[in-house]
Amino acid sequence: MPIITRATLAIGAVSAALLTCLVRFVLQWRRLAHVPGPVFASFSKGWMIRESLKGRQPISFKEVNDKYGARIPIHFSTPI
């Protein structure tokens, strides 16, 4: 008869939580995967933050808009 310890339960709970987060991330990303745009911008808001910190956000949006068209994904849930 197998013995289930607290460590085994903790590892199982953490693994289930990570798997759930990964599945949610992939499902949300797939909603805008067909929209062309910068790859980094399609799954993270880090691109937008980096451009804001450099003071180039409006210029970058214009450049990306000119290159990829009117709809570009800024984050997997936020097209502009």
N, C-alpha and C. Protein backbone atom coordinates (compact mmCIF):
# COMPACT_ATOMS: atom_id res chain seq x y z
N MET A 1 0.84 -1.17 0.00
CA MET A 1 0.00 0.00 0.00
C MET A 1 0.89 1.25 0.00
N PRO A 2 0.72 2.12 -1.03
CA PRO A 2 1.58 3.30 -1.10
C PRO A 2 1.25 4.31 0.00
N ILE A 3 2.30 4.95 0.48
CA ILE A 3 2.13 5.97 1.51
C ILE A 3 2.30 7.33 0.85
N ILE A 4 1.30 8.17 1.03
CA ILE A 4 1.34 9.52 0.46
C ILE A 4 1.77 10.47 1.58
N THR A 5 2.91 11.10 1.38
CA THR A 5 3.44 12.02 2.39
C THR A 5 3.02 13.45 2.05
N ARG A 6 3.28 14.34 2.97
CA ARG A 6 2.97 15.76 2.72
C ARG A 6 3.83 16.31 1.59
N ALA A 7 5.07 15.84 1.53
CA ALA A 7 5.95 16.30 0.46
C ALA A 7 5.40 15.88 -0.91
N THR A 8 4.91 14.66 -1.00
CA THR A 8 4.33 14.19 -2.26
C THR A 8 3.10 15.00 -2.63
N LEU A 9 2.27 15.29 -1.66
CA LEU A 9 1.09 16.13 -1.93
C LEU A 9 1.48 17.53 -2.34
N ALA A 10 2.50 18.10 -1.70
CA ALA A 10 2.95 19.44 -2.04
C ALA A 10 3.50 19.48 -3.46
N ILE A 11 4.30 18.50 -3.82
CA ILE A 11 4.85 18.44 -5.17
C ILE A 11 3.73 18.28 -6.19
N GLY A 12 2.75 17.46 -5.89
CA GLY A 12 1.61 17.29 -6.78
C GLY A 12 0.80 18.56 -6.94
N ALA A 13 0.58 19.28 -5.84
CA ALA A 13 -0.19 20.53 -5.90
C ALA A 13 0.55 21.60 -6.69
N VAL A 14 1.85 21.71 -6.48
CA VAL A 14 2.64 22.70 -7.22
C VAL A 14 2.68 22.35 -8.70
N SER A 15 2.85 21.08 -9.00
CA SER A 15 2.87 20.64 -10.40
C SER A 15 1.53 20.92 -11.09
N ALA A 16 0.44 20.65 -10.39
CA ALA A 16 -0.89 20.92 -10.96
C ALA A 16 -1.10 22.41 -11.18
N ALA A 17 -0.65 23.23 -10.24
CA ALA A 17 -0.79 24.68 -10.39
C ALA A 17 0.03 25.20 -11.57
N LEU A 18 1.26 24.72 -11.72
CA LEU A 18 2.09 25.15 -12.85
C LEU A 18 1.51 24.69 -14.18
N LEU A 19 1.01 23.48 -14.23
CA LEU A 19 0.40 22.98 -15.45
C LEU A 19 -0.84 23.79 -15.81
N THR A 20 -1.64 24.13 -14.82
CA THR A 20 -2.84 24.95 -15.05
C THR A 20 -2.45 26.32 -15.60
N CYS A 21 -1.44 26.94 -15.02
CA CYS A 21 -0.98 28.25 -15.50
C CYS A 21 -0.47 28.16 -16.93
N LEU A 22 0.28 27.13 -17.23
CA LEU A 22 0.82 26.95 -18.58
C LEU A 22 -0.30 26.75 -19.60
N VAL A 23 -1.27 25.93 -19.27
CA VAL A 23 -2.39 25.68 -20.19
C VAL A 23 -3.18 26.97 -20.42
N ARG A 24 -3.45 27.73 -19.35
CA ARG A 24 -4.17 29.00 -19.51
C ARG A 24 -3.39 29.97 -20.38
N PHE A 25 -2.08 30.04 -20.18
CA PHE A 25 -1.23 30.93 -20.97
C PHE A 25 -1.30 30.57 -22.45
N VAL A 26 -1.16 29.28 -22.76
CA VAL A 26 -1.18 28.85 -24.15
C VAL A 26 -2.55 29.11 -24.78
N LEU A 27 -3.62 28.82 -24.06
CA LEU A 27 -4.96 29.05 -24.62
C LEU A 27 -5.21 30.53 -24.87
N GLN A 28 -4.77 31.40 -23.98
CA GLN A 28 -4.95 32.83 -24.19
C GLN A 28 -4.07 33.34 -25.32
N TRP A 29 -2.85 32.84 -25.42
CA TRP A 29 -1.95 33.26 -26.48
C TRP A 29 -2.49 32.87 -27.85
N ARG A 30 -3.10 31.69 -27.94
CA ARG A 30 -3.62 31.21 -29.22
C ARG A 30 -4.72 32.09 -29.79
N ARG A 31 -5.43 32.83 -28.91
CA ARG A 31 -6.51 33.69 -29.41
C ARG A 31 -5.98 34.75 -30.36
N LEU A 32 -4.76 35.26 -30.12
CA LEU A 32 -4.19 36.30 -30.98
C LEU A 32 -2.98 35.82 -31.77
N ALA A 33 -2.74 34.53 -31.81
CA ALA A 33 -1.56 34.01 -32.50
C ALA A 33 -1.60 34.29 -34.00
N HIS A 34 -2.78 34.43 -34.56
CA HIS A 34 -2.90 34.67 -36.00
C HIS A 34 -2.64 36.13 -36.37
N VAL A 35 -2.61 37.03 -35.38
CA VAL A 35 -2.39 38.45 -35.64
C VAL A 35 -0.88 38.69 -35.75
N PRO A 36 -0.40 39.26 -36.86
CA PRO A 36 1.04 39.49 -37.00
C PRO A 36 1.51 40.59 -36.04
N GLY A 37 2.76 40.49 -35.65
CA GLY A 37 3.34 41.49 -34.77
C GLY A 37 4.62 40.98 -34.16
N PRO A 38 5.28 41.80 -33.35
CA PRO A 38 6.51 41.36 -32.70
C PRO A 38 6.24 40.15 -31.80
N VAL A 39 7.12 39.16 -31.86
CA VAL A 39 6.91 37.91 -31.11
C VAL A 39 6.90 38.18 -29.61
N PHE A 40 7.86 38.94 -29.12
CA PHE A 40 7.93 39.22 -27.69
C PHE A 40 6.68 39.94 -27.20
N ALA A 41 6.12 40.80 -28.04
CA ALA A 41 4.92 41.54 -27.66
C ALA A 41 3.68 40.66 -27.61
N SER A 42 3.72 39.51 -28.28
CA SER A 42 2.52 38.67 -28.32
C SER A 42 2.29 37.89 -27.03
N PHE A 43 3.30 37.73 -26.19
CA PHE A 43 3.09 36.97 -24.96
C PHE A 43 3.50 37.68 -23.69
N SER A 44 3.96 38.93 -23.79
CA SER A 44 4.41 39.63 -22.59
C SER A 44 4.20 41.12 -22.74
N LYS A 45 3.86 41.77 -21.65
CA LYS A 45 3.78 43.23 -21.67
C LYS A 45 5.14 43.86 -21.48
N GLY A 46 6.18 43.03 -21.37
CA GLY A 46 7.54 43.53 -21.20
C GLY A 46 7.98 44.40 -22.35
N TRP A 47 7.54 44.08 -23.57
CA TRP A 47 7.88 44.88 -24.74
C TRP A 47 7.36 46.30 -24.57
N MET A 48 6.11 46.43 -24.16
CA MET A 48 5.51 47.75 -23.98
C MET A 48 6.19 48.50 -22.84
N ILE A 49 6.52 47.81 -21.77
CA ILE A 49 7.20 48.45 -20.64
C ILE A 49 8.58 48.92 -21.06
N ARG A 50 9.31 48.08 -21.79
CA ARG A 50 10.65 48.47 -22.25
C ARG A 50 10.60 49.71 -23.13
N GLU A 51 9.65 49.74 -24.06
CA GLU A 51 9.52 50.91 -24.94
C GLU A 51 9.11 52.16 -24.15
N SER A 52 8.28 51.99 -23.13
CA SER A 52 7.88 53.13 -22.30
C SER A 52 9.05 53.68 -21.52
N LEU A 53 9.87 52.78 -20.96
CA LEU A 53 11.03 53.23 -20.18
C LEU A 53 12.06 53.94 -21.04
N LYS A 54 12.16 53.54 -22.30
CA LYS A 54 13.07 54.21 -23.22
C LYS A 54 12.48 55.51 -23.76
N GLY A 55 11.19 55.76 -23.48
CA GLY A 55 10.53 56.96 -23.98
C GLY A 55 10.16 56.87 -25.44
N ARG A 56 10.06 55.67 -25.96
CA ARG A 56 9.78 55.47 -27.38
C ARG A 56 8.45 54.79 -27.66
N GLN A 57 7.58 54.70 -26.69
CA GLN A 57 6.36 53.93 -26.89
C GLN A 57 5.52 54.44 -28.07
N PRO A 58 5.22 55.73 -28.18
CA PRO A 58 4.42 56.17 -29.34
C PRO A 58 5.12 55.93 -30.67
N ILE A 59 6.45 56.14 -30.69
CA ILE A 59 7.20 55.92 -31.92
C ILE A 59 7.21 54.44 -32.28
N SER A 60 7.42 53.58 -31.27
CA SER A 60 7.43 52.14 -31.52
C SER A 60 6.08 51.65 -32.00
N PHE A 61 5.01 52.14 -31.41
CA PHE A 61 3.67 51.75 -31.86
C PHE A 61 3.47 52.14 -33.32
N LYS A 62 3.92 53.33 -33.69
CA LYS A 62 3.78 53.79 -35.08
C LYS A 62 4.60 52.90 -36.01
N GLU A 63 5.85 52.59 -35.62
CA GLU A 63 6.70 51.74 -36.46
C GLU A 63 6.10 50.35 -36.64
N VAL A 64 5.63 49.76 -35.55
CA VAL A 64 5.04 48.42 -35.62
C VAL A 64 3.74 48.45 -36.40
N ASN A 65 2.96 49.50 -36.23
CA ASN A 65 1.71 49.66 -36.97
C ASN A 65 1.99 49.77 -38.46
N ASP A 66 3.02 50.52 -38.83
CA ASP A 66 3.38 50.64 -40.25
C ASP A 66 3.87 49.30 -40.82
N LYS A 67 4.61 48.55 -40.01
CA LYS A 67 5.19 47.29 -40.48
C LYS A 67 4.17 46.16 -40.56
N TYR A 68 3.33 46.01 -39.51
CA TYR A 68 2.44 44.86 -39.43
C TYR A 68 0.98 45.16 -39.72
N GLY A 69 0.60 46.40 -39.80
CA GLY A 69 -0.79 46.75 -40.04
C GLY A 69 -1.45 47.30 -38.79
N ALA A 70 -2.77 47.48 -38.89
CA ALA A 70 -3.50 48.18 -37.84
C ALA A 70 -3.67 47.39 -36.56
N ARG A 71 -3.70 46.06 -36.61
CA ARG A 71 -3.91 45.25 -35.39
C ARG A 71 -2.64 44.54 -35.02
N ILE A 72 -2.05 44.93 -33.91
CA ILE A 72 -0.87 44.25 -33.40
C ILE A 72 -1.13 43.83 -31.97
N PRO A 73 -0.68 42.64 -31.58
CA PRO A 73 -0.88 42.22 -30.19
C PRO A 73 0.17 42.85 -29.28
N ILE A 74 -0.27 43.50 -28.23
CA ILE A 74 0.63 44.05 -27.22
C ILE A 74 0.82 43.02 -26.13
N HIS A 75 -0.16 42.21 -25.91
CA HIS A 75 -0.14 41.16 -24.91
C HIS A 75 -1.14 40.14 -25.41
N PHE A 76 -1.11 38.92 -24.92
CA PHE A 76 -1.99 37.91 -25.51
C PHE A 76 -3.47 38.23 -25.32
N SER A 77 -3.80 39.23 -24.52
CA SER A 77 -5.21 39.59 -24.37
C SER A 77 -5.48 41.03 -24.81
N THR A 78 -4.48 41.73 -25.36
CA THR A 78 -4.64 43.15 -25.66
C THR A 78 -4.11 43.51 -27.04
N PRO A 79 -4.96 43.49 -28.06
CA PRO A 79 -4.49 44.02 -29.35
C PRO A 79 -4.70 45.54 -29.39
N ILE A 80 -3.86 46.25 -30.15
CA ILE A 80 -4.13 47.68 -30.34
C ILE A 80 -4.40 47.92 -31.81
